[in-house]
PDB file of N, CA and C in Angstrom:
ATOM      1  N   MET A   1     -74.997 194.618 237.813  1.00  0.00           N
ATOM      2  CA  MET A   1     -75.184 194.590 239.261  1.00  0.00           C
ATOM      3  C   MET A   1     -74.441 193.391 239.872  1.00  0.00           C
ATOM      4  N   THR A   2     -74.548 192.255 239.206  1.00  0.00           N
ATOM      5  CA  THR A   2     -73.883 191.065 239.747  1.00  0.00           C
ATOM      6  C   THR A   2     -72.365 191.221 239.707  1.00  0.00           C
ATOM      7  N   ASN A   3     -71.870 191.810 238.629  1.00  0.00           N
ATOM      8  CA  ASN A   3     -70.428 191.985 238.508  1.00  0.00           C
ATOM      9  C   ASN A   3     -69.917 192.937 239.589  1.00  0.00           C
ATOM     10  N   PHE A   4     -70.692 193.974 239.880  1.00  0.00           N
ATOM     11  CA  PHE A   4     -70.281 194.922 240.915  1.00  0.00           C
ATOM     12  C   PHE A   4     -70.257 194.246 242.282  1.00  0.00           C
ATOM     13  N   LYS A   5     -71.275 193.438 242.564  1.00  0.00           N
ATOM     14  CA  LYS A   5     -71.316 192.731 243.848  1.00  0.00           C
ATOM     15  C   LYS A   5     -70.143 191.761 243.958  1.00  0.00           C
ATOM     16  N   PHE A   6     -69.849 191.084 242.865  1.00  0.00           N
ATOM     17  CA  PHE A   6     -68.753 190.112 242.894  1.00  0.00           C
ATOM     18  C   PHE A   6     -67.415 190.805 243.121  1.00  0.00           C
ATOM     19  N   SER A   7     -67.213 191.931 242.450  1.00  0.00           N
ATOM     20  CA  SER A   7     -65.941 192.645 242.611  1.00  0.00           C
ATOM     21  C   SER A   7     -65.822 193.189 244.031  1.00  0.00           C
ATOM     22  N   LEU A   8     -66.926 193.676 244.576  1.00  0.00           N
ATOM     23  CA  LEU A   8     -66.897 194.209 245.937  1.00  0.00           C
ATOM     24  C   LEU A   8     -66.606 193.093 246.935  1.00  0.00           C
ATOM     25  N   LEU A   9     -67.241 191.942 246.726  1.00  0.00           N
ATOM     26  CA  LEU A   9     -67.013 190.809 247.624  1.00  0.00           C
ATOM     27  C   LEU A   9     -65.566 190.326 247.530  1.00  0.00           C
ATOM     28  N   ALA A  10     -65.053 190.249 246.313  1.00  0.00           N
ATOM     29  CA  ALA A  10     -63.677 189.795 246.132  1.00  0.00           C
ATOM     30  C   ALA A  10     -62.691 190.772 246.775  1.00  0.00           C
ATOM     31  N   CYS A  11     -62.970 192.054 246.647  1.00  0.00           N
ATOM     32  CA  CYS A  11     -62.084 193.065 247.229  1.00  0.00           C
ATOM     33  C   CYS A  11     -62.096 192.954 248.748  1.00  0.00           C
ATOM     34  N   SER A  12     -63.285 192.777 249.327  1.00  0.00           N
ATOM     35  CA  SER A  12     -63.381 192.678 250.783  1.00  0.00           C
ATOM     36  C   SER A  12     -62.679 191.415 251.283  1.00  0.00           C
ATOM     37  N   ILE A  13     -62.853 190.314 250.562  1.00  0.00           N
ATOM     38  CA  ILE A  13     -62.206 189.058 250.967  1.00  0.00           C
ATOM     39  C   ILE A  13     -60.687 189.178 250.852  1.00  0.00           C
ATOM     40  N   ALA A  14     -60.226 189.805 249.778  1.00  0.00           N
ATOM     41  CA  ALA A  14     -58.786 189.964 249.593  1.00  0.00           C
ATOM     42  C   ALA A  14     -58.206 190.852 250.693  1.00  0.00           C
ATOM     43  N   PHE A  15     -58.932 191.904 251.040  1.00  0.00           N
ATOM     44  CA  PHE A  15     -58.440 192.800 252.088  1.00  0.00           C
ATOM     45  C   PHE A  15     -58.393 192.079 253.434  1.00  0.00           C
ATOM     46  N   ALA A  16     -59.429 191.298 253.727  1.00  0.00           N
ATOM     47  CA  ALA A  16     -59.471 190.568 255.000  1.00  0.00           C
ATOM     48  C   ALA A  16     -58.342 189.537 255.061  1.00  0.00           C
ATOM     49  N   LEU A  17     -58.131 188.821 253.955  1.00  0.00           N
ATOM     50  CA  LEU A  17     -57.063 187.819 253.937  1.00  0.00           C
ATOM     51  C   LEU A  17     -55.697 188.477 254.074  1.00  0.00           C
ATOM     52  N   ASN A  18     -55.510 189.602 253.397  1.00  0.00           N
ATOM     53  CA  ASN A  18     -54.219 190.288 253.457  1.00  0.00           C
ATOM     54  C   ASN A  18     -53.953 190.786 254.874  1.00  0.00           C
ATOM     55  N   ALA A  19     -54.961 191.365 255.514  1.00  0.00           N
ATOM     56  CA  ALA A  19     -54.783 191.892 256.865  1.00  0.00           C
ATOM     57  C   ALA A  19     -54.536 190.747 257.850  1.00  0.00           C
ATOM     58  N   SER A  20     -55.295 189.660 257.718  1.00  0.00           N
ATOM     59  CA  SER A  20     -55.134 188.546 258.655  1.00  0.00           C
ATOM     60  C   SER A  20     -53.774 187.879 258.477  1.00  0.00           C
ATOM     61  N   THR A  21     -53.330 187.711 257.242  1.00  0.00           N
ATOM     62  CA  THR A  21     -52.038 187.065 257.017  1.00  0.00           C
ATOM     63  C   THR A  21     -50.896 187.973 257.454  1.00  0.00           C
ATOM     64  N   ALA A  22     -51.045 189.265 257.240  1.00  0.00           N
ATOM     65  CA  ALA A  22     -49.987 190.190 257.648  1.00  0.00           C
ATOM     66  C   ALA A  22     -49.870 190.199 259.167  1.00  0.00           C
ATOM     67  N   TYR A  23     -51.009 190.102 259.879  1.00  0.00           N
ATOM     68  CA  TYR A  23     -50.961 190.104 261.336  1.00  0.00           C
ATOM     69  C   TYR A  23     -50.465 188.755 261.866  1.00  0.00           C
ATOM     70  N   ALA A  24     -50.864 187.672 261.211  1.00  0.00           N
ATOM     71  CA  ALA A  24     -50.463 186.346 261.686  1.00  0.00           C
ATOM     72  C   ALA A  24     -48.997 186.065 261.375  1.00  0.00           C
ATOM     73  N   ALA A  25     -48.471 186.691 260.325  1.00  0.00           N
ATOM     74  CA  ALA A  25     -47.084 186.436 259.950  1.00  0.00           C
ATOM     75  C   ALA A  25     -46.114 187.134 260.901  1.00  0.00           C
ATOM     76  N   GLN A  26     -46.494 188.299 261.407  1.00  0.00           N
ATOM     77  CA  GLN A  26     -45.588 189.044 262.286  1.00  0.00           C
ATOM     78  C   GLN A  26     -46.315 189.525 263.540  1.00  0.00           C
ATOM     79  N   PRO A  27     -46.685 188.611 264.445  1.00  0.00           N
ATOM     80  CA  PRO A  27     -47.354 189.052 265.673  1.00  0.00           C
ATOM     81  C   PRO A  27     -46.376 189.627 266.689  1.00  0.00           C
ATOM     82  N   THR A  28     -45.086 189.261 266.586  1.00  0.00           N
ATOM     83  CA  THR A  28     -44.107 189.706 267.576  1.00  0.00           C
ATOM     84  C   THR A  28     -43.420 191.000 267.152  1.00  0.00           C
ATOM     85  N   ASN A  29     -43.651 191.436 265.909  1.00  0.00           N
ATOM     86  CA  ASN A  29     -42.997 192.663 265.463  1.00  0.00           C
ATOM     87  C   ASN A  29     -43.718 193.918 265.950  1.00  0.00           C
ATOM     88  N   GLN A  30     -44.855 193.736 266.634  1.00  0.00           N
ATOM     89  CA  GLN A  30     -45.565 194.903 267.166  1.00  0.00           C
ATOM     90  C   GLN A  30     -44.765 195.488 268.334  1.00  0.00           C
ATOM     91  N   PRO A  31     -44.548 196.804 268.361  1.00  0.00           N
ATOM     92  CA  PRO A  31     -43.759 197.415 269.444  1.00  0.00           C
ATOM     93  C   PRO A  31     -44.463 197.311 270.790  1.00  0.00           C
ATOM     94  N   THR A  32     -45.787 197.146 270.791  1.00  0.00           N
ATOM     95  CA  THR A  32     -46.520 197.073 272.053  1.00  0.00           C
ATOM     96  C   THR A  32     -46.407 195.688 272.673  1.00  0.00           C
ATOM     97  N   ASN A  33     -46.152 194.657 271.847  1.00  0.00           N
ATOM     98  CA  ASN A  33     -46.035 193.305 272.389  1.00  0.00           C
ATOM     99  C   ASN A  33     -44.680 193.101 273.065  1.00  0.00           C
ATOM    100  N   GLN A  34     -43.653 193.781 272.572  1.00  0.00           N
ATOM    101  CA  GLN A  34     -42.317 193.654 273.154  1.00  0.00           C
ATOM    102  C   GLN A  34     -41.788 195.030 273.559  1.00  0.00           C
ATOM    103  N   PRO A  35     -42.038 195.436 274.794  1.00  0.00           N
ATOM    104  CA  PRO A  35     -41.514 196.742 275.231  1.00  0.00           C
ATOM    105  C   PRO A  35     -39.996 196.727 275.357  1.00  0.00           C
ATOM    106  N   THR A  36     -39.426 195.558 275.610  1.00  0.00           N
ATOM    107  CA  THR A  36     -37.969 195.468 275.753  1.00  0.00           C
ATOM    108  C   THR A  36     -37.289 195.380 274.394  1.00  0.00           C
ATOM    109  N   ASN A  37     -38.033 194.871 273.392  1.00  0.00           N
ATOM    110  CA  ASN A  37     -37.511 194.771 272.021  1.00  0.00           C
ATOM    111  C   ASN A  37     -36.238 193.923 271.970  1.00  0.00           C
ATOM    112  N   GLN A  38     -36.307 192.716 272.538  1.00  0.00           N
ATOM    113  CA  GLN A  38     -35.158 191.810 272.504  1.00  0.00           C
ATOM    114  C   GLN A  38     -35.423 190.687 271.499  1.00  0.00           C
ATOM    115  N   PRO A  39     -34.767 190.681 270.348  1.00  0.00           N
ATOM    116  CA  PRO A  39     -34.986 189.638 269.339  1.00  0.00           C
ATOM    117  C   PRO A  39     -34.431 188.284 269.758  1.00  0.00           C
ATOM    118  N   THR A  40     -33.606 188.245 270.809  1.00  0.00           N
ATOM    119  CA  THR A  40     -33.006 186.983 271.232  1.00  0.00           C
ATOM    120  C   THR A  40     -34.012 186.140 272.007  1.00  0.00           C
ATOM    121  N   ASN A  41     -35.098 186.753 272.509  1.00  0.00           N
ATOM    122  CA  ASN A  41     -36.104 185.990 273.246  1.00  0.00           C
ATOM    123  C   ASN A  41     -36.918 185.109 272.315  1.00  0.00           C
ATOM    124  N   GLN A  42     -37.017 185.482 271.047  1.00  0.00           N
ATOM    125  CA  GLN A  42     -37.795 184.710 270.078  1.00  0.00           C
ATOM    126  C   GLN A  42     -36.903 183.647 269.437  1.00  0.00           C
ATOM    127  N   PRO A  43     -37.293 182.370 269.532  1.00  0.00           N
ATOM    128  CA  PRO A  43     -36.491 181.308 268.901  1.00  0.00           C
ATOM    129  C   PRO A  43     -36.550 181.382 267.385  1.00  0.00           C
ATOM    130  N   ARG A  44     -37.562 182.058 266.835  1.00  0.00           N
ATOM    131  CA  ARG A  44     -37.685 182.192 265.389  1.00  0.00           C
ATOM    132  C   ARG A  44     -36.641 183.155 264.886  1.00  0.00           C
TER     133      ARG A  44
END
């Protein structure tokens, strides 16, 4: 039971970290944030 809880917790934490990092790494690549889609506006 403990091993199952630990694996479930680890999976949920890994999924949350992956989703948060993927969103934080590319917030400007969303098509809804840039309707004009001009890469020259971003200094990055």
